N, C-alpha and C. Protein backbone atom coordinates (compact mmCIF):
# COMPACT_ATOMS: atom_id res chain seq x y z
N MET A 1 4.37 -29.95 17.49
CA MET A 1 4.81 -29.16 16.35
C MET A 1 4.13 -27.72 16.06
N GLY A 2 4.67 -26.78 15.75
CA GLY A 2 3.96 -25.41 15.59
C GLY A 2 3.51 -25.39 14.52
N PRO A 3 2.97 -24.44 14.40
CA PRO A 3 2.48 -23.73 12.75
C PRO A 3 3.63 -23.76 11.67
N THR A 4 3.16 -23.96 10.73
CA THR A 4 3.95 -23.85 9.55
C THR A 4 3.76 -22.47 8.96
N PRO A 5 5.23 -21.92 8.96
CA PRO A 5 5.05 -20.40 8.40
C PRO A 5 4.35 -20.46 6.95
N SER A 6 3.69 -19.29 6.58
CA SER A 6 3.09 -19.28 5.42
C SER A 6 4.25 -18.70 4.50
N PRO A 7 3.95 -18.98 3.19
CA PRO A 7 4.85 -18.43 2.09
C PRO A 7 4.49 -17.12 1.99
N GLN A 8 5.80 -16.45 1.39
CA GLN A 8 5.80 -14.71 1.40
C GLN A 8 4.84 -14.78 0.25
N LEU A 9 3.86 -13.46 0.57
CA LEU A 9 3.20 -13.16 -0.53
C LEU A 9 3.75 -12.53 -1.38
N THR A 10 3.12 -12.90 -2.70
CA THR A 10 3.74 -12.16 -4.08
C THR A 10 2.81 -11.69 -4.93
N LEU A 11 2.92 -10.28 -5.21
CA LEU A 11 2.09 -9.38 -6.09
C LEU A 11 2.07 -9.77 -7.42
N GLN A 12 1.38 -9.60 -8.20
CA GLN A 12 1.53 -9.53 -9.73
C GLN A 12 2.69 -8.84 -10.33
N PRO A 13 3.59 -9.13 -10.77
CA PRO A 13 4.70 -8.21 -11.70
C PRO A 13 4.00 -6.82 -12.52
N LYS A 14 4.80 -5.76 -12.29
CA LYS A 14 4.60 -4.85 -12.97
C LYS A 14 5.86 -4.11 -13.50
N SER A 15 5.41 -3.21 -14.81
CA SER A 15 6.93 -2.63 -15.16
C SER A 15 6.97 -1.39 -14.37
N SER A 16 8.49 -0.82 -14.53
CA SER A 16 8.53 0.55 -13.65
C SER A 16 7.73 1.39 -14.23
N ALA A 17 7.52 1.72 -15.16
CA ALA A 17 6.29 2.79 -15.85
C ALA A 17 5.10 2.67 -15.14
N ASP A 18 4.81 1.58 -14.69
CA ASP A 18 2.95 1.10 -14.09
C ASP A 18 3.21 2.00 -12.63
N ASN A 19 1.87 2.34 -12.82
CA ASN A 19 1.51 2.80 -11.31
C ASN A 19 0.08 2.25 -11.09
N LEU A 20 0.26 1.22 -10.52
CA LEU A 20 -0.58 0.07 -10.31
C LEU A 20 -1.34 0.18 -8.70
N ASP A 21 -2.67 0.05 -8.58
CA ASP A 21 -2.84 -0.30 -7.13
C ASP A 21 -3.08 -1.79 -6.83
N TYR A 22 -2.87 -2.13 -5.50
CA TYR A 22 -2.76 -3.62 -5.38
C TYR A 22 -3.81 -3.62 -4.24
N GLY A 23 -4.78 -4.58 -4.31
CA GLY A 23 -5.40 -4.85 -3.15
C GLY A 23 -4.97 -6.20 -2.58
N LEU A 24 -5.13 -6.65 -1.50
CA LEU A 24 -4.92 -7.27 -0.13
C LEU A 24 -6.21 -8.09 0.44
N CYS A 25 -6.36 -9.38 0.36
CA CYS A 25 -7.38 -9.74 0.57
C CYS A 25 -6.88 -10.57 1.88
N PRO A 26 -7.48 -10.12 3.11
CA PRO A 26 -7.58 -10.74 4.60
C PRO A 26 -8.38 -11.60 4.91
N GLN A 27 -9.49 -12.09 3.95
CA GLN A 27 -10.43 -13.02 4.61
C GLN A 27 -10.01 -14.11 5.04
N GLN A 28 -8.94 -14.99 4.69
CA GLN A 28 -8.42 -16.47 5.46
C GLN A 28 -7.96 -15.93 6.71
N TRP A 29 -7.14 -14.74 7.02
CA TRP A 29 -6.81 -14.37 8.34
C TRP A 29 -7.93 -14.18 9.23
N LEU A 30 -8.78 -13.37 8.99
CA LEU A 30 -9.92 -13.15 9.72
C LEU A 30 -11.23 -14.11 9.66
N ALA A 31 -11.00 -15.22 9.09
CA ALA A 31 -11.97 -16.05 9.00
C ALA A 31 -12.27 -16.40 10.18
N GLY A 32 -13.60 -16.56 10.50
CA GLY A 32 -14.19 -17.08 11.75
C GLY A 32 -14.13 -15.94 12.86
N THR A 33 -13.93 -14.80 12.46
CA THR A 33 -14.10 -13.48 13.47
C THR A 33 -15.16 -12.44 12.94
N THR A 34 -15.51 -11.67 13.83
CA THR A 34 -16.19 -10.61 13.46
C THR A 34 -15.18 -9.08 13.06
N ASP A 35 -13.86 -9.45 13.09
CA ASP A 35 -12.93 -8.41 13.18
C ASP A 35 -12.87 -8.09 11.77
N TYR A 36 -12.27 -6.74 11.64
CA TYR A 36 -12.04 -6.31 10.06
C TYR A 36 -10.91 -5.19 10.32
N VAL A 37 -10.41 -5.03 9.15
CA VAL A 37 -9.20 -4.26 9.08
C VAL A 37 -9.49 -2.70 9.39
N ALA A 38 -8.84 -2.13 10.22
CA ALA A 38 -8.69 -1.01 10.42
C ALA A 38 -8.02 0.00 9.98
N HIS A 39 -6.68 -0.35 9.74
CA HIS A 39 -5.66 0.42 9.49
C HIS A 39 -4.63 -0.82 8.47
N VAL A 40 -3.99 0.16 7.66
CA VAL A 40 -2.93 -0.49 6.71
C VAL A 40 -1.87 0.27 6.97
N ALA A 41 -0.70 -0.18 6.83
CA ALA A 41 0.65 0.81 6.56
C ALA A 41 1.65 -0.15 5.92
N ALA A 42 2.46 0.52 5.02
CA ALA A 42 3.40 -0.44 4.26
C ALA A 42 4.86 0.30 4.11
N SER A 43 6.00 -0.27 3.86
CA SER A 43 7.08 0.48 3.32
C SER A 43 7.90 -0.39 2.48
N VAL A 44 8.73 0.19 1.76
CA VAL A 44 9.61 -0.52 1.03
C VAL A 44 10.86 -0.77 1.13
N LEU A 45 11.31 -2.27 1.84
CA LEU A 45 12.62 -2.60 2.45
C LEU A 45 13.43 -2.45 1.59
N THR A 46 13.52 -2.73 0.48
CA THR A 46 14.41 -2.60 -0.53
C THR A 46 14.65 -1.27 -1.48
N ALA A 47 14.10 -0.43 -0.84
CA ALA A 47 14.50 0.93 -1.25
C ALA A 47 15.73 1.60 -1.24
N THR A 48 16.63 1.99 -2.40
CA THR A 48 18.07 2.56 -2.19
C THR A 48 18.15 4.02 -2.09
N GLY A 49 17.14 4.74 -2.22
CA GLY A 49 17.01 6.24 -2.55
C GLY A 49 17.02 6.64 -3.78
N ASP A 50 17.11 5.55 -4.64
CA ASP A 50 17.33 5.93 -6.45
C ASP A 50 16.08 6.76 -6.76
N GLN A 51 15.91 7.44 -7.38
CA GLN A 51 14.65 8.37 -8.07
C GLN A 51 14.00 7.37 -8.58
N ALA A 52 14.31 6.13 -9.17
CA ALA A 52 13.30 5.19 -9.91
C ALA A 52 13.05 3.86 -8.97
N ASP A 53 13.43 4.10 -7.73
CA ASP A 53 12.96 2.90 -6.54
C ASP A 53 11.20 2.93 -6.83
N LEU A 54 11.14 1.58 -6.32
CA LEU A 54 9.52 1.47 -6.10
C LEU A 54 9.25 2.01 -4.83
N THR A 55 8.01 2.96 -5.23
CA THR A 55 7.53 3.80 -4.19
C THR A 55 6.00 3.36 -3.84
N ILE A 56 5.88 3.76 -2.67
CA ILE A 56 4.08 3.71 -2.18
C ILE A 56 3.80 4.95 -2.35
N SER A 57 2.82 5.07 -3.50
CA SER A 57 2.09 6.55 -3.39
C SER A 57 1.15 6.65 -2.31
N TRP A 58 0.58 5.55 -2.11
CA TRP A 58 -0.69 6.01 -1.01
C TRP A 58 -0.94 4.40 -0.63
N VAL A 59 -1.32 4.34 0.48
CA VAL A 59 -2.05 3.23 1.27
C VAL A 59 -3.47 3.60 1.90
N SER A 60 -4.48 2.87 1.34
CA SER A 60 -5.61 3.01 2.00
C SER A 60 -6.41 1.97 2.30
N LEU A 61 -7.88 2.14 2.86
CA LEU A 61 -8.66 1.08 3.10
C LEU A 61 -9.72 1.34 2.06
N VAL A 62 -9.96 0.81 0.96
CA VAL A 62 -11.00 0.91 0.06
C VAL A 62 -11.98 -0.03 -0.06
N SER A 63 -13.15 0.32 0.40
CA SER A 63 -14.40 -0.46 0.28
C SER A 63 -14.15 -1.70 1.59
N GLY A 64 -13.43 -1.24 2.53
CA GLY A 64 -12.82 -2.34 3.71
C GLY A 64 -11.62 -3.38 3.11
N THR A 65 -10.93 -3.10 1.67
CA THR A 65 -9.79 -3.82 1.27
C THR A 65 -8.66 -2.84 1.53
N PRO A 66 -7.58 -3.63 2.02
CA PRO A 66 -6.07 -3.32 2.00
C PRO A 66 -5.74 -2.62 0.83
N VAL A 67 -5.37 -1.26 0.30
CA VAL A 67 -4.96 -1.35 -0.99
C VAL A 67 -3.93 -0.50 -0.93
N LEU A 68 -2.51 -0.83 -1.99
CA LEU A 68 -1.42 -0.39 -2.15
C LEU A 68 -1.23 0.39 -3.62
N PHE A 69 -1.07 1.65 -3.54
CA PHE A 69 -0.42 2.25 -4.86
C PHE A 69 0.74 2.23 -5.33
N LEU A 70 1.55 1.67 -5.92
CA LEU A 70 2.53 1.60 -6.24
C LEU A 70 3.21 1.76 -7.49
N GLY A 71 4.24 2.60 -7.65
CA GLY A 71 4.87 3.07 -8.94
C GLY A 71 6.55 2.78 -8.74
N GLY A 72 7.04 3.14 -9.85
CA GLY A 72 8.61 2.83 -10.37
C GLY A 72 8.93 1.70 -10.10
N GLY A 73 10.21 1.48 -9.46
CA GLY A 73 10.98 0.24 -9.43
C GLY A 73 11.98 -0.15 -10.40
N GLN A 74 13.25 -0.66 -10.13
CA GLN A 74 13.99 -0.65 -10.76
C GLN A 74 13.88 -1.89 -11.85
N PRO A 75 13.84 -1.73 -12.89
CA PRO A 75 13.43 -3.03 -14.00
C PRO A 75 14.46 -4.06 -13.63
N GLY A 76 13.94 -5.52 -13.88
CA GLY A 76 14.72 -6.71 -13.87
C GLY A 76 15.21 -6.86 -12.05
N THR A 77 14.27 -6.32 -11.07
CA THR A 77 14.48 -6.77 -9.68
C THR A 77 13.16 -7.24 -9.19
N VAL A 78 13.56 -7.87 -8.06
CA VAL A 78 12.33 -8.12 -7.06
C VAL A 78 12.36 -7.28 -5.66
N GLN A 79 11.27 -6.37 -5.43
CA GLN A 79 11.23 -5.54 -4.71
C GLN A 79 10.80 -6.33 -3.51
N THR A 80 11.00 -5.96 -2.04
CA THR A 80 10.30 -6.12 -1.14
C THR A 80 9.42 -5.22 -0.07
N LEU A 81 8.15 -5.23 -0.05
CA LEU A 81 7.75 -4.19 0.97
C LEU A 81 7.31 -4.91 2.21
N GLN A 82 7.26 -4.31 3.28
CA GLN A 82 6.62 -4.81 4.43
C GLN A 82 5.57 -4.30 4.84
N VAL A 83 4.35 -5.19 4.83
CA VAL A 83 3.13 -4.43 4.96
C VAL A 83 2.10 -5.01 6.60
N SER A 84 1.53 -4.15 6.92
CA SER A 84 1.06 -4.52 8.15
C SER A 84 -0.14 -3.98 8.30
N LEU A 85 -1.16 -4.98 8.65
CA LEU A 85 -2.62 -4.79 8.75
C LEU A 85 -2.91 -4.60 10.17
N THR A 86 -3.76 -3.81 10.55
CA THR A 86 -4.20 -3.89 12.19
C THR A 86 -5.58 -3.95 12.18
N THR A 87 -6.27 -4.78 12.80
CA THR A 87 -7.89 -4.92 13.08
C THR A 87 -8.16 -3.89 14.21
N GLN A 88 -9.72 -3.89 13.93
CA GLN A 88 -10.33 -3.16 14.95
C GLN A 88 -10.27 -3.63 16.35
N GLN A 89 -10.14 -4.89 16.27
CA GLN A 89 -9.91 -5.34 17.98
C GLN A 89 -8.49 -5.81 18.26
N GLY A 90 -7.71 -5.05 17.38
CA GLY A 90 -6.02 -5.13 17.63
C GLY A 90 -5.07 -6.17 17.33
N ARG A 91 -5.79 -7.00 16.18
CA ARG A 91 -4.76 -8.17 15.99
C ARG A 91 -4.21 -7.19 14.63
N VAL A 92 -2.69 -7.95 14.45
CA VAL A 92 -1.73 -7.49 13.77
C VAL A 92 -1.26 -8.48 13.03
N TRP A 93 -1.30 -8.21 11.42
CA TRP A 93 -0.51 -8.96 10.55
C TRP A 93 0.31 -8.14 9.76
N SER A 94 1.71 -8.64 9.88
CA SER A 94 2.86 -7.85 9.30
C SER A 94 3.69 -8.91 8.83
N ALA A 95 4.06 -8.77 7.34
CA ALA A 95 4.68 -9.52 6.34
C ALA A 95 5.48 -9.06 5.33
N PRO A 96 6.55 -9.79 4.83
CA PRO A 96 7.24 -9.03 3.43
C PRO A 96 6.26 -9.65 2.36
N VAL A 97 6.33 -8.62 1.65
CA VAL A 97 5.36 -9.00 0.17
C VAL A 97 6.70 -8.75 -1.00
N SER A 98 6.80 -9.53 -1.78
CA SER A 98 7.38 -9.52 -3.05
C SER A 98 7.04 -9.19 -4.21
N LEU A 99 7.27 -8.26 -4.88
CA LEU A 99 7.02 -7.59 -6.03
C LEU A 99 7.85 -7.64 -7.45
N ALA A 100 7.76 -8.35 -8.50
CA ALA A 100 8.85 -8.24 -9.43
C ALA A 100 8.84 -7.13 -10.32
N ILE A 101 9.49 -6.40 -10.64
CA ILE A 101 9.57 -5.41 -11.58
C ILE A 101 10.10 -5.91 -12.80
N THR A 102 9.41 -6.18 -13.89
CA THR A 102 9.61 -6.43 -15.36
C THR A 102 10.85 -5.45 -15.95
N ASN A 103 11.62 -6.11 -16.82
CA ASN A 103 12.51 -5.59 -17.43
C ASN A 103 11.88 -5.23 -18.64
N THR A 104 10.66 -5.18 -19.22
CA THR A 104 9.93 -4.67 -20.57
C THR A 104 10.32 -3.03 -20.93
N LEU A 105 10.53 -2.10 -20.00
CA LEU A 105 10.54 -0.72 -20.48
C LEU A 105 11.43 -0.08 -19.00
N SER A 106 12.26 0.87 -19.65
CA SER A 106 13.37 1.34 -18.75
C SER A 106 12.89 2.27 -17.35
N ALA A 107 13.64 2.18 -16.44
CA ALA A 107 13.44 2.77 -15.25
C ALA A 107 12.72 4.11 -15.38
N SER A 108 11.43 4.33 -14.57
CA SER A 108 11.07 5.34 -14.38
C SER A 108 10.78 5.57 -13.06
N GLY A 109 10.50 6.89 -12.50
CA GLY A 109 9.70 7.38 -11.11
C GLY A 109 8.31 7.05 -11.31
N PRO A 110 7.85 6.97 -9.95
CA PRO A 110 6.41 7.18 -9.85
C PRO A 110 5.78 8.64 -10.39
N LEU A 111 4.47 8.27 -10.82
CA LEU A 111 3.61 9.62 -10.59
C LEU A 111 3.39 10.36 -9.81
N ALA A 112 3.28 11.40 -9.63
CA ALA A 112 2.94 12.35 -8.72
C ALA A 112 1.50 11.88 -8.18
N VAL A 113 1.33 12.22 -6.88
CA VAL A 113 -0.44 11.82 -6.65
C VAL A 113 -0.66 13.01 -5.79
N PRO A 114 -2.17 13.35 -5.70
CA PRO A 114 -2.27 14.49 -5.15
C PRO A 114 -1.79 14.43 -3.68
N ALA A 115 -1.62 15.57 -2.87
CA ALA A 115 -0.91 15.49 -1.67
C ALA A 115 -1.39 16.52 -0.57
N LEU A 116 -1.45 16.52 0.52
CA LEU A 116 -1.97 18.16 1.55
C LEU A 116 -0.62 18.76 1.58
N ALA A 117 -0.73 20.17 2.13
CA ALA A 117 0.43 20.75 2.03
C ALA A 117 1.52 20.23 2.54
N ASP A 118 1.13 19.38 3.63
CA ASP A 118 2.64 18.81 4.18
C ASP A 118 3.35 17.44 3.66
N GLY A 119 2.47 17.21 2.55
CA GLY A 119 3.21 16.17 1.89
C GLY A 119 2.49 14.98 1.90
N THR A 120 1.34 14.75 2.80
CA THR A 120 0.76 13.59 2.92
C THR A 120 -0.15 13.30 1.96
N PRO A 121 0.13 11.94 1.23
CA PRO A 121 -0.77 11.65 0.04
C PRO A 121 -2.17 11.61 0.17
N VAL A 122 -2.86 11.69 -0.60
CA VAL A 122 -4.37 11.91 -0.70
C VAL A 122 -4.90 10.67 -1.46
N PRO A 123 -5.38 9.33 -0.75
CA PRO A 123 -6.09 8.42 -1.62
C PRO A 123 -7.30 8.99 -2.09
N PRO A 124 -7.57 8.39 -3.18
CA PRO A 124 -8.70 8.42 -3.81
C PRO A 124 -10.33 8.46 -3.13
N ASN A 125 -10.10 7.62 -1.92
CA ASN A 125 -11.38 7.71 -1.33
C ASN A 125 -11.34 8.47 -0.19
N ALA A 126 -10.47 9.56 0.07
CA ALA A 126 -10.57 10.79 0.83
C ALA A 126 -11.62 11.55 0.78
N ILE A 127 -12.05 11.98 2.15
CA ILE A 127 -13.33 12.92 1.80
C ILE A 127 -13.06 14.12 1.67
N ARG A 128 -13.59 14.66 0.50
CA ARG A 128 -13.28 15.98 0.10
C ARG A 128 -14.56 17.33 0.23
N LEU A 129 -14.52 18.14 0.75
CA LEU A 129 -15.45 19.24 1.20
C LEU A 129 -15.72 19.70 -0.16
N PRO A 130 -16.90 20.28 -0.34
CA PRO A 130 -17.36 21.13 -1.24
C PRO A 130 -16.47 22.34 -1.73
N ASP A 131 -15.54 22.76 -0.97
CA ASP A 131 -14.53 23.81 -1.50
C ASP A 131 -13.35 23.36 -2.19
N GLY A 132 -13.34 21.83 -2.11
CA GLY A 132 -12.23 21.11 -2.51
C GLY A 132 -11.41 20.57 -1.74
N SER A 133 -11.16 21.16 -0.55
CA SER A 133 -10.06 20.92 0.65
C SER A 133 -10.50 19.33 1.14
N ILE A 134 -9.68 18.87 1.65
CA ILE A 134 -9.43 17.50 1.91
C ILE A 134 -9.76 17.76 3.68
N LEU A 135 -11.05 16.67 4.18
CA LEU A 135 -11.24 16.71 5.29
C LEU A 135 -10.26 15.74 6.38
N THR A 136 -9.39 16.42 7.18
CA THR A 136 -8.31 15.59 8.33
C THR A 136 -8.69 15.66 9.34
N ASP A 137 -8.43 14.36 10.03
CA ASP A 137 -8.46 14.58 11.77
C ASP A 137 -7.42 15.17 12.37
N ASN A 138 -7.36 15.22 13.80
CA ASN A 138 -6.39 16.30 14.41
C ASN A 138 -5.01 15.84 14.13
N SER A 139 -4.63 14.55 13.71
CA SER A 139 -3.26 14.40 13.16
C SER A 139 -2.88 14.84 11.60
N GLY A 140 -3.87 15.36 11.09
CA GLY A 140 -3.29 15.55 10.03
C GLY A 140 -3.76 14.50 8.68
N GLN A 141 -4.27 13.64 9.19
CA GLN A 141 -4.69 12.36 8.11
C GLN A 141 -5.75 12.48 7.69
N PRO A 142 -5.85 12.11 6.23
CA PRO A 142 -7.42 12.32 5.30
C PRO A 142 -8.49 11.40 6.24
N TYR A 143 -9.55 11.94 6.31
CA TYR A 143 -10.83 11.02 6.57
C TYR A 143 -10.89 10.42 5.08
N LEU A 144 -11.62 8.97 5.34
CA LEU A 144 -11.87 8.21 4.51
C LEU A 144 -13.06 7.68 4.29
N TYR A 145 -13.65 7.14 2.98
CA TYR A 145 -14.79 6.53 2.87
C TYR A 145 -14.18 5.34 2.89
N ALA A 146 -14.41 4.53 3.91
CA ALA A 146 -13.51 3.06 3.70
C ALA A 146 -14.57 2.13 3.46
């Protein structure tokens, strides 16, 4: 008999007007190892192209915790995100994550977040230089205080 599949992860509901950060706790997945999460990626599987779609404003590692900053979403729906965590040793966890959008407020788009000239979102833990610019690597991604 093989391992039992884990239930789909569900985030706390939000209204369309909320712009909230959600931290994921990989402790159980990494239990008994010396490994740690080195990269997080996410996409909205249920996006339709509508202005009020659930949007991932940024993803980052904040103090070692994978964090998603989410805004928008059609009221009265359950949205599905695909989240992938990659560890320093190459382990990968990828799974769908559900998020209910309450119908307490009408549809609204996400808040604008700071971005680089090419549109790359800047999470709050990006390294900012004294002149106000964001320190980036060779691929143009911000360096982070993780």
